N, C-alpha and C. Protein backbone atom coordinates (compact mmCIF):
# COMPACT_ATOMS: atom_id res chain seq x y z
N MET A 1 0.84 -1.18 0.00
CA MET A 1 0.00 0.00 0.00
C MET A 1 0.89 1.25 0.00
N VAL A 2 0.52 2.20 -0.83
CA VAL A 2 1.33 3.41 -0.94
C VAL A 2 1.16 4.29 0.29
N ASP A 3 2.17 5.10 0.53
CA ASP A 3 2.10 6.12 1.58
C ASP A 3 1.34 7.30 0.98
N PRO A 4 0.11 7.56 1.44
CA PRO A 4 -0.70 8.61 0.79
C PRO A 4 -0.09 10.00 0.86
N ILE A 5 0.60 10.31 1.92
CA ILE A 5 1.21 11.64 2.03
C ILE A 5 2.35 11.77 1.02
N ARG A 6 3.19 10.75 0.96
CA ARG A 6 4.32 10.77 0.01
C ARG A 6 3.81 10.83 -1.42
N LEU A 7 2.83 9.97 -1.75
CA LEU A 7 2.33 9.94 -3.12
C LEU A 7 1.64 11.24 -3.49
N THR A 8 0.87 11.80 -2.58
CA THR A 8 0.20 13.08 -2.85
C THR A 8 1.24 14.17 -3.13
N THR A 9 2.28 14.22 -2.32
CA THR A 9 3.35 15.20 -2.51
C THR A 9 3.99 15.05 -3.88
N LEU A 10 4.30 13.81 -4.25
CA LEU A 10 4.95 13.57 -5.54
C LEU A 10 4.03 13.89 -6.71
N VAL A 11 2.77 13.50 -6.62
CA VAL A 11 1.83 13.78 -7.71
C VAL A 11 1.62 15.29 -7.86
N ASP A 12 1.50 16.00 -6.75
CA ASP A 12 1.36 17.46 -6.81
C ASP A 12 2.59 18.09 -7.47
N ARG A 13 3.76 17.60 -7.11
CA ARG A 13 5.00 18.12 -7.67
C ARG A 13 5.04 17.83 -9.18
N LEU A 14 4.68 16.60 -9.56
CA LEU A 14 4.69 16.26 -10.99
C LEU A 14 3.71 17.14 -11.76
N ASN A 15 2.54 17.39 -11.21
CA ASN A 15 1.58 18.26 -11.89
C ASN A 15 2.13 19.67 -12.07
N GLN A 16 2.90 20.16 -11.12
CA GLN A 16 3.52 21.48 -11.28
C GLN A 16 4.57 21.45 -12.40
N TYR A 17 5.36 20.38 -12.45
CA TYR A 17 6.36 20.26 -13.51
C TYR A 17 5.69 20.17 -14.88
N ILE A 18 4.57 19.46 -14.95
CA ILE A 18 3.82 19.37 -16.20
C ILE A 18 3.33 20.75 -16.61
N ALA A 19 2.83 21.52 -15.67
CA ALA A 19 2.39 22.90 -15.96
C ALA A 19 3.56 23.74 -16.47
N ASP A 20 4.74 23.57 -15.87
CA ASP A 20 5.93 24.29 -16.33
C ASP A 20 6.27 23.93 -17.77
N LEU A 21 6.19 22.64 -18.09
CA LEU A 21 6.49 22.19 -19.46
C LEU A 21 5.47 22.76 -20.45
N LYS A 22 4.21 22.75 -20.08
CA LYS A 22 3.18 23.29 -20.98
C LYS A 22 3.38 24.79 -21.21
N SER A 23 3.71 25.50 -20.16
CA SER A 23 3.96 26.94 -20.29
C SER A 23 5.16 27.19 -21.19
N PHE A 24 6.21 26.42 -21.01
CA PHE A 24 7.41 26.54 -21.84
C PHE A 24 7.05 26.26 -23.30
N ARG A 25 6.25 25.21 -23.51
CA ARG A 25 5.87 24.81 -24.87
C ARG A 25 5.12 25.93 -25.59
N GLU A 26 4.29 26.66 -24.86
CA GLU A 26 3.51 27.74 -25.47
C GLU A 26 4.37 28.88 -25.98
N SER A 27 5.55 29.03 -25.42
CA SER A 27 6.36 30.20 -25.78
C SER A 27 7.68 29.88 -26.48
N HIS A 28 7.93 28.59 -26.80
CA HIS A 28 9.21 28.25 -27.42
C HIS A 28 9.03 27.28 -28.58
N SER A 29 9.54 27.69 -29.73
CA SER A 29 9.50 26.84 -30.92
C SER A 29 10.83 26.08 -31.03
N VAL A 30 10.88 25.14 -31.97
CA VAL A 30 12.14 24.41 -32.22
C VAL A 30 13.23 25.39 -32.61
N GLU A 31 12.86 26.35 -33.44
CA GLU A 31 13.85 27.34 -33.89
C GLU A 31 14.41 28.13 -32.71
N ARG A 32 13.53 28.51 -31.79
CA ARG A 32 13.99 29.27 -30.62
C ARG A 32 14.90 28.43 -29.75
N LEU A 33 14.62 27.12 -29.65
CA LEU A 33 15.50 26.24 -28.87
C LEU A 33 16.86 26.15 -29.53
N ALA A 34 16.89 26.03 -30.86
CA ALA A 34 18.15 25.91 -31.58
C ALA A 34 18.97 27.19 -31.50
N GLU A 35 18.31 28.33 -31.35
CA GLU A 35 19.00 29.62 -31.30
C GLU A 35 19.67 29.89 -29.96
N SER A 36 19.24 29.20 -28.92
CA SER A 36 19.70 29.55 -27.59
C SER A 36 20.02 28.32 -26.74
N ARG A 37 21.28 28.21 -26.38
CA ARG A 37 21.69 27.12 -25.49
C ARG A 37 21.02 27.26 -24.13
N GLU A 38 20.77 28.49 -23.70
CA GLU A 38 20.13 28.72 -22.42
C GLU A 38 18.70 28.18 -22.41
N ARG A 39 17.96 28.43 -23.49
CA ARG A 39 16.59 27.91 -23.58
C ARG A 39 16.59 26.38 -23.59
N ALA A 40 17.50 25.81 -24.37
CA ALA A 40 17.59 24.35 -24.44
C ALA A 40 17.95 23.78 -23.07
N ALA A 41 18.86 24.43 -22.38
CA ALA A 41 19.26 23.96 -21.05
C ALA A 41 18.11 24.06 -20.06
N LEU A 42 17.32 25.12 -20.17
CA LEU A 42 16.16 25.27 -19.29
C LEU A 42 15.14 24.16 -19.56
N LEU A 43 14.90 23.85 -20.83
CA LEU A 43 13.99 22.77 -21.16
C LEU A 43 14.53 21.44 -20.66
N GLU A 44 15.82 21.21 -20.81
CA GLU A 44 16.42 19.98 -20.27
C GLU A 44 16.13 19.86 -18.78
N ARG A 45 16.28 20.95 -18.07
CA ARG A 45 16.05 20.93 -16.63
C ARG A 45 14.58 20.66 -16.31
N TYR A 46 13.67 21.31 -17.02
CA TYR A 46 12.25 21.04 -16.80
C TYR A 46 11.92 19.57 -17.06
N LEU A 47 12.42 19.04 -18.17
CA LEU A 47 12.18 17.62 -18.47
C LEU A 47 12.80 16.73 -17.41
N HIS A 48 14.02 17.06 -17.01
CA HIS A 48 14.71 16.25 -16.00
C HIS A 48 13.90 16.18 -14.71
N ARG A 49 13.44 17.33 -14.25
CA ARG A 49 12.68 17.35 -12.99
C ARG A 49 11.39 16.55 -13.10
N ALA A 50 10.68 16.71 -14.20
CA ALA A 50 9.42 15.97 -14.39
C ALA A 50 9.67 14.47 -14.49
N LEU A 51 10.68 14.09 -15.24
CA LEU A 51 10.98 12.67 -15.40
C LEU A 51 11.48 12.06 -14.10
N GLU A 52 12.31 12.78 -13.39
CA GLU A 52 12.80 12.28 -12.10
C GLU A 52 11.65 12.07 -11.13
N CYS A 53 10.73 13.00 -11.11
CA CYS A 53 9.57 12.88 -10.22
C CYS A 53 8.71 11.68 -10.61
N SER A 54 8.50 11.49 -11.91
CA SER A 54 7.70 10.33 -12.34
C SER A 54 8.40 9.03 -11.97
N LEU A 55 9.71 9.00 -12.04
CA LEU A 55 10.46 7.80 -11.64
C LEU A 55 10.37 7.59 -10.13
N ASP A 56 10.36 8.66 -9.36
CA ASP A 56 10.16 8.53 -7.91
C ASP A 56 8.78 7.95 -7.61
N ILE A 57 7.77 8.40 -8.34
CA ILE A 57 6.41 7.90 -8.14
C ILE A 57 6.34 6.42 -8.48
N VAL A 58 6.82 6.06 -9.67
CA VAL A 58 6.70 4.66 -10.08
C VAL A 58 7.47 3.74 -9.16
N THR A 59 8.63 4.16 -8.69
CA THR A 59 9.40 3.33 -7.77
C THR A 59 8.64 3.15 -6.46
N HIS A 60 8.06 4.22 -5.95
CA HIS A 60 7.28 4.14 -4.72
C HIS A 60 6.10 3.19 -4.88
N VAL A 61 5.39 3.30 -5.99
CA VAL A 61 4.22 2.45 -6.22
C VAL A 61 4.62 0.99 -6.37
N VAL A 62 5.65 0.73 -7.14
CA VAL A 62 6.09 -0.65 -7.37
C VAL A 62 6.55 -1.30 -6.07
N VAL A 63 7.35 -0.59 -5.31
CA VAL A 63 7.84 -1.14 -4.04
C VAL A 63 6.69 -1.31 -3.04
N SER A 64 5.84 -0.31 -2.94
CA SER A 64 4.74 -0.35 -1.97
C SER A 64 3.73 -1.46 -2.27
N ASN A 65 3.61 -1.81 -3.54
CA ASN A 65 2.66 -2.85 -3.93
C ASN A 65 3.34 -4.19 -4.20
N ALA A 66 4.62 -4.28 -3.86
CA ALA A 66 5.39 -5.53 -4.03
C ALA A 66 5.21 -6.11 -5.43
N LEU A 67 5.41 -5.26 -6.44
CA LEU A 67 5.25 -5.69 -7.83
C LEU A 67 6.52 -6.30 -8.41
N GLY A 68 7.57 -6.35 -7.63
CA GLY A 68 8.84 -6.91 -8.09
C GLY A 68 9.74 -5.85 -8.68
N ALA A 69 11.01 -6.05 -8.53
CA ALA A 69 11.99 -5.06 -8.97
C ALA A 69 12.29 -5.23 -10.46
N ALA A 70 12.37 -4.12 -11.15
CA ALA A 70 12.78 -4.10 -12.55
C ALA A 70 14.30 -3.92 -12.60
N ASN A 71 14.88 -4.20 -13.75
CA ASN A 71 16.33 -4.02 -13.91
C ASN A 71 16.72 -2.55 -13.94
N THR A 72 15.79 -1.69 -14.32
CA THR A 72 16.05 -0.26 -14.37
C THR A 72 14.87 0.48 -13.74
N ARG A 73 15.12 1.71 -13.34
CA ARG A 73 14.02 2.51 -12.79
C ARG A 73 12.94 2.70 -13.85
N ALA A 74 13.34 2.94 -15.08
CA ALA A 74 12.35 3.12 -16.15
C ALA A 74 11.55 1.84 -16.38
N GLY A 75 12.16 0.70 -16.13
CA GLY A 75 11.46 -0.57 -16.27
C GLY A 75 10.34 -0.75 -15.26
N ASN A 76 10.35 0.04 -14.21
CA ASN A 76 9.28 -0.04 -13.22
C ASN A 76 7.92 0.36 -13.79
N PHE A 77 7.92 1.15 -14.87
CA PHE A 77 6.63 1.48 -15.50
C PHE A 77 5.97 0.21 -16.02
N ARG A 78 6.77 -0.69 -16.57
CA ARG A 78 6.22 -1.96 -17.07
C ARG A 78 5.74 -2.83 -15.91
N LYS A 79 6.42 -2.77 -14.78
CA LYS A 79 5.96 -3.51 -13.59
C LYS A 79 4.61 -2.97 -13.14
N MET A 80 4.46 -1.67 -13.19
CA MET A 80 3.20 -1.06 -12.80
C MET A 80 2.09 -1.48 -13.76
N ALA A 81 2.40 -1.57 -15.05
CA ALA A 81 1.42 -2.04 -16.03
C ALA A 81 1.09 -3.50 -15.80
N ALA A 82 2.09 -4.31 -15.52
CA ALA A 82 1.84 -5.73 -15.26
C ALA A 82 0.94 -5.92 -14.04
N GLY A 83 1.01 -4.98 -13.12
CA GLY A 83 0.15 -5.02 -11.94
C GLY A 83 -1.23 -4.44 -12.20
N GLY A 84 -1.49 -4.02 -13.43
CA GLY A 84 -2.80 -3.49 -13.80
C GLY A 84 -3.05 -2.06 -13.35
N LEU A 85 -1.97 -1.34 -13.03
CA LEU A 85 -2.14 0.02 -12.50
C LEU A 85 -2.05 1.12 -13.54
N ILE A 86 -1.42 0.82 -14.69
CA ILE A 86 -1.40 1.73 -15.83
C ILE A 86 -1.48 0.89 -17.10
N ALA A 87 -1.85 1.52 -18.19
CA ALA A 87 -1.96 0.82 -19.47
C ALA A 87 -0.57 0.46 -20.01
N GLU A 88 -0.51 -0.64 -20.76
CA GLU A 88 0.75 -1.10 -21.35
C GLU A 88 1.38 -0.05 -22.27
N ASP A 89 0.55 0.57 -23.12
CA ASP A 89 1.10 1.56 -24.05
C ASP A 89 1.69 2.75 -23.30
N LEU A 90 1.05 3.15 -22.23
CA LEU A 90 1.58 4.25 -21.42
C LEU A 90 2.89 3.84 -20.77
N ALA A 91 2.95 2.63 -20.26
CA ALA A 91 4.18 2.13 -19.63
C ALA A 91 5.33 2.12 -20.62
N ASP A 92 5.07 1.67 -21.84
CA ASP A 92 6.13 1.63 -22.86
C ASP A 92 6.64 3.03 -23.18
N ARG A 93 5.72 3.95 -23.36
CA ARG A 93 6.12 5.32 -23.70
C ARG A 93 6.85 6.00 -22.54
N LEU A 94 6.39 5.75 -21.32
CA LEU A 94 7.06 6.33 -20.15
C LEU A 94 8.43 5.70 -19.94
N SER A 95 8.58 4.42 -20.23
CA SER A 95 9.89 3.77 -20.12
C SER A 95 10.89 4.43 -21.06
N ARG A 96 10.43 4.73 -22.28
CA ARG A 96 11.31 5.43 -23.23
C ARG A 96 11.68 6.82 -22.72
N LEU A 97 10.71 7.51 -22.15
CA LEU A 97 11.01 8.83 -21.56
C LEU A 97 12.00 8.70 -20.41
N GLY A 98 11.84 7.65 -19.62
CA GLY A 98 12.78 7.41 -18.51
C GLY A 98 14.19 7.20 -19.01
N ARG A 99 14.32 6.52 -20.14
CA ARG A 99 15.66 6.34 -20.72
C ARG A 99 16.19 7.66 -21.27
N TYR A 100 15.30 8.51 -21.78
CA TYR A 100 15.73 9.83 -22.25
C TYR A 100 16.28 10.65 -21.09
N ARG A 101 15.70 10.46 -19.92
CA ARG A 101 16.21 11.13 -18.71
C ARG A 101 17.68 10.79 -18.50
N ASN A 102 18.06 9.54 -18.80
CA ASN A 102 19.46 9.15 -18.66
C ASN A 102 20.36 9.93 -19.61
N LEU A 103 19.88 10.19 -20.82
CA LEU A 103 20.65 11.01 -21.75
C LEU A 103 20.84 12.42 -21.21
N ILE A 104 19.80 12.96 -20.61
CA ILE A 104 19.88 14.30 -20.04
C ILE A 104 20.89 14.33 -18.90
N VAL A 105 20.77 13.38 -17.99
CA VAL A 105 21.58 13.39 -16.77
C VAL A 105 23.03 13.01 -17.04
N HIS A 106 23.23 11.94 -17.81
CA HIS A 106 24.57 11.38 -17.97
C HIS A 106 25.28 11.83 -19.23
N GLU A 107 24.58 12.60 -20.07
CA GLU A 107 25.16 13.17 -21.29
C GLU A 107 25.83 12.10 -22.16
N TYR A 108 25.12 10.98 -22.38
CA TYR A 108 25.64 9.92 -23.24
C TYR A 108 25.78 10.41 -24.68
N ALA A 109 24.96 11.36 -25.05
CA ALA A 109 24.98 11.93 -26.39
C ALA A 109 24.52 13.38 -26.29
N GLU A 110 24.86 14.14 -27.32
CA GLU A 110 24.40 15.53 -27.35
C GLU A 110 22.90 15.55 -27.61
N LEU A 111 22.20 16.35 -26.86
CA LEU A 111 20.77 16.48 -27.04
C LEU A 111 20.50 17.53 -28.11
N LYS A 112 19.79 17.11 -29.14
CA LYS A 112 19.49 18.02 -30.24
C LYS A 112 18.22 18.80 -29.93
N PRO A 113 18.19 20.07 -30.34
CA PRO A 113 16.99 20.88 -30.08
C PRO A 113 15.72 20.25 -30.63
N GLU A 114 15.80 19.60 -31.80
CA GLU A 114 14.59 18.99 -32.36
C GLU A 114 14.11 17.80 -31.53
N ASP A 115 15.05 17.06 -30.90
CA ASP A 115 14.64 15.97 -30.01
C ASP A 115 14.00 16.52 -28.74
N LEU A 116 14.59 17.57 -28.20
CA LEU A 116 14.00 18.21 -27.03
C LEU A 116 12.60 18.72 -27.35
N ALA A 117 12.47 19.34 -28.52
CA ALA A 117 11.16 19.89 -28.92
C ALA A 117 10.15 18.76 -29.09
N GLU A 118 10.57 17.64 -29.63
CA GLU A 118 9.65 16.50 -29.78
C GLU A 118 9.17 16.01 -28.41
N HIS A 119 10.07 15.90 -27.47
CA HIS A 119 9.67 15.48 -26.13
C HIS A 119 8.80 16.53 -25.45
N LEU A 120 9.06 17.79 -25.75
CA LEU A 120 8.23 18.85 -25.19
C LEU A 120 6.79 18.74 -25.70
N GLN A 121 6.63 18.25 -26.92
CA GLN A 121 5.28 18.10 -27.48
C GLN A 121 4.53 16.93 -26.86
N THR A 122 5.23 15.86 -26.50
CA THR A 122 4.55 14.64 -26.04
C THR A 122 4.60 14.41 -24.53
N ALA A 123 5.66 14.83 -23.89
CA ALA A 123 5.86 14.50 -22.47
C ALA A 123 4.77 15.03 -21.54
N PRO A 124 4.32 16.27 -21.68
CA PRO A 124 3.32 16.75 -20.72
C PRO A 124 2.06 15.90 -20.68
N GLU A 125 1.57 15.48 -21.85
CA GLU A 125 0.35 14.68 -21.86
C GLU A 125 0.61 13.26 -21.31
N LEU A 126 1.73 12.67 -21.67
CA LEU A 126 2.05 11.34 -21.14
C LEU A 126 2.20 11.38 -19.62
N LEU A 127 2.93 12.36 -19.16
CA LEU A 127 3.14 12.49 -17.71
C LEU A 127 1.83 12.84 -17.01
N GLY A 128 0.97 13.59 -17.69
CA GLY A 128 -0.35 13.90 -17.13
C GLY A 128 -1.18 12.64 -16.95
N ARG A 129 -1.16 11.77 -17.94
CA ARG A 129 -1.89 10.50 -17.83
C ARG A 129 -1.34 9.69 -16.66
N PHE A 130 -0.02 9.69 -16.52
CA PHE A 130 0.59 8.96 -15.42
C PHE A 130 0.22 9.56 -14.07
N ALA A 131 0.24 10.89 -13.98
CA ALA A 131 -0.12 11.56 -12.73
C ALA A 131 -1.56 11.23 -12.35
N GLU A 132 -2.45 11.18 -13.33
CA GLU A 132 -3.85 10.82 -13.06
C GLU A 132 -3.96 9.39 -12.54
N ALA A 133 -3.21 8.48 -13.15
CA ALA A 133 -3.24 7.07 -12.71
C ALA A 133 -2.69 6.95 -11.29
N ALA A 134 -1.62 7.68 -11.00
CA ALA A 134 -1.05 7.63 -9.66
C ALA A 134 -2.02 8.22 -8.64
N ALA A 135 -2.70 9.30 -9.00
CA ALA A 135 -3.65 9.92 -8.09
C ALA A 135 -4.83 8.99 -7.80
N ARG A 136 -5.22 8.18 -8.79
CA ARG A 136 -6.32 7.23 -8.56
C ARG A 136 -5.97 6.19 -7.49
N LEU A 137 -4.69 5.92 -7.33
CA LEU A 137 -4.27 4.98 -6.28
C LEU A 137 -4.60 5.50 -4.90
N LEU A 138 -4.70 6.80 -4.77
CA LEU A 138 -5.03 7.41 -3.48
C LEU A 138 -6.50 7.21 -3.14
N ASP A 139 -7.31 6.96 -4.18
CA ASP A 139 -8.75 6.75 -3.96
C ASP A 139 -9.08 5.33 -3.53
N ASN A 140 -8.14 4.42 -3.72
CA ASN A 140 -8.40 3.00 -3.40
C ASN A 140 -8.13 2.69 -1.95
């Protein structure tokens, strides 16, 4: 069983990060990202914070519900799906986002503005779906 205070805190935080990403998306085009390293770095940070928070949530849920350990933190989304707590397609897409977080944090490769812009277009809605699923666990 999840810790309701911890999960509420994390879901609230994730929702704020999602709002930050949506606000950023409204005012920044791919061209603007390519023109400014500062803008790209800010977007990297917003994505990093949102993805890190989602990974904290999924780890908490998987451990609290004894769903078994995944080989990676991003793999925990699939554990959550196997437990019937999120849809498989959402788990797959979130797992890919979790791996993108590794590129941001560990700089395995240079992040291209067009890749950042693509994630900016899709991440807020995916993370929003995840935040909603996590919040539903508080109702059970």
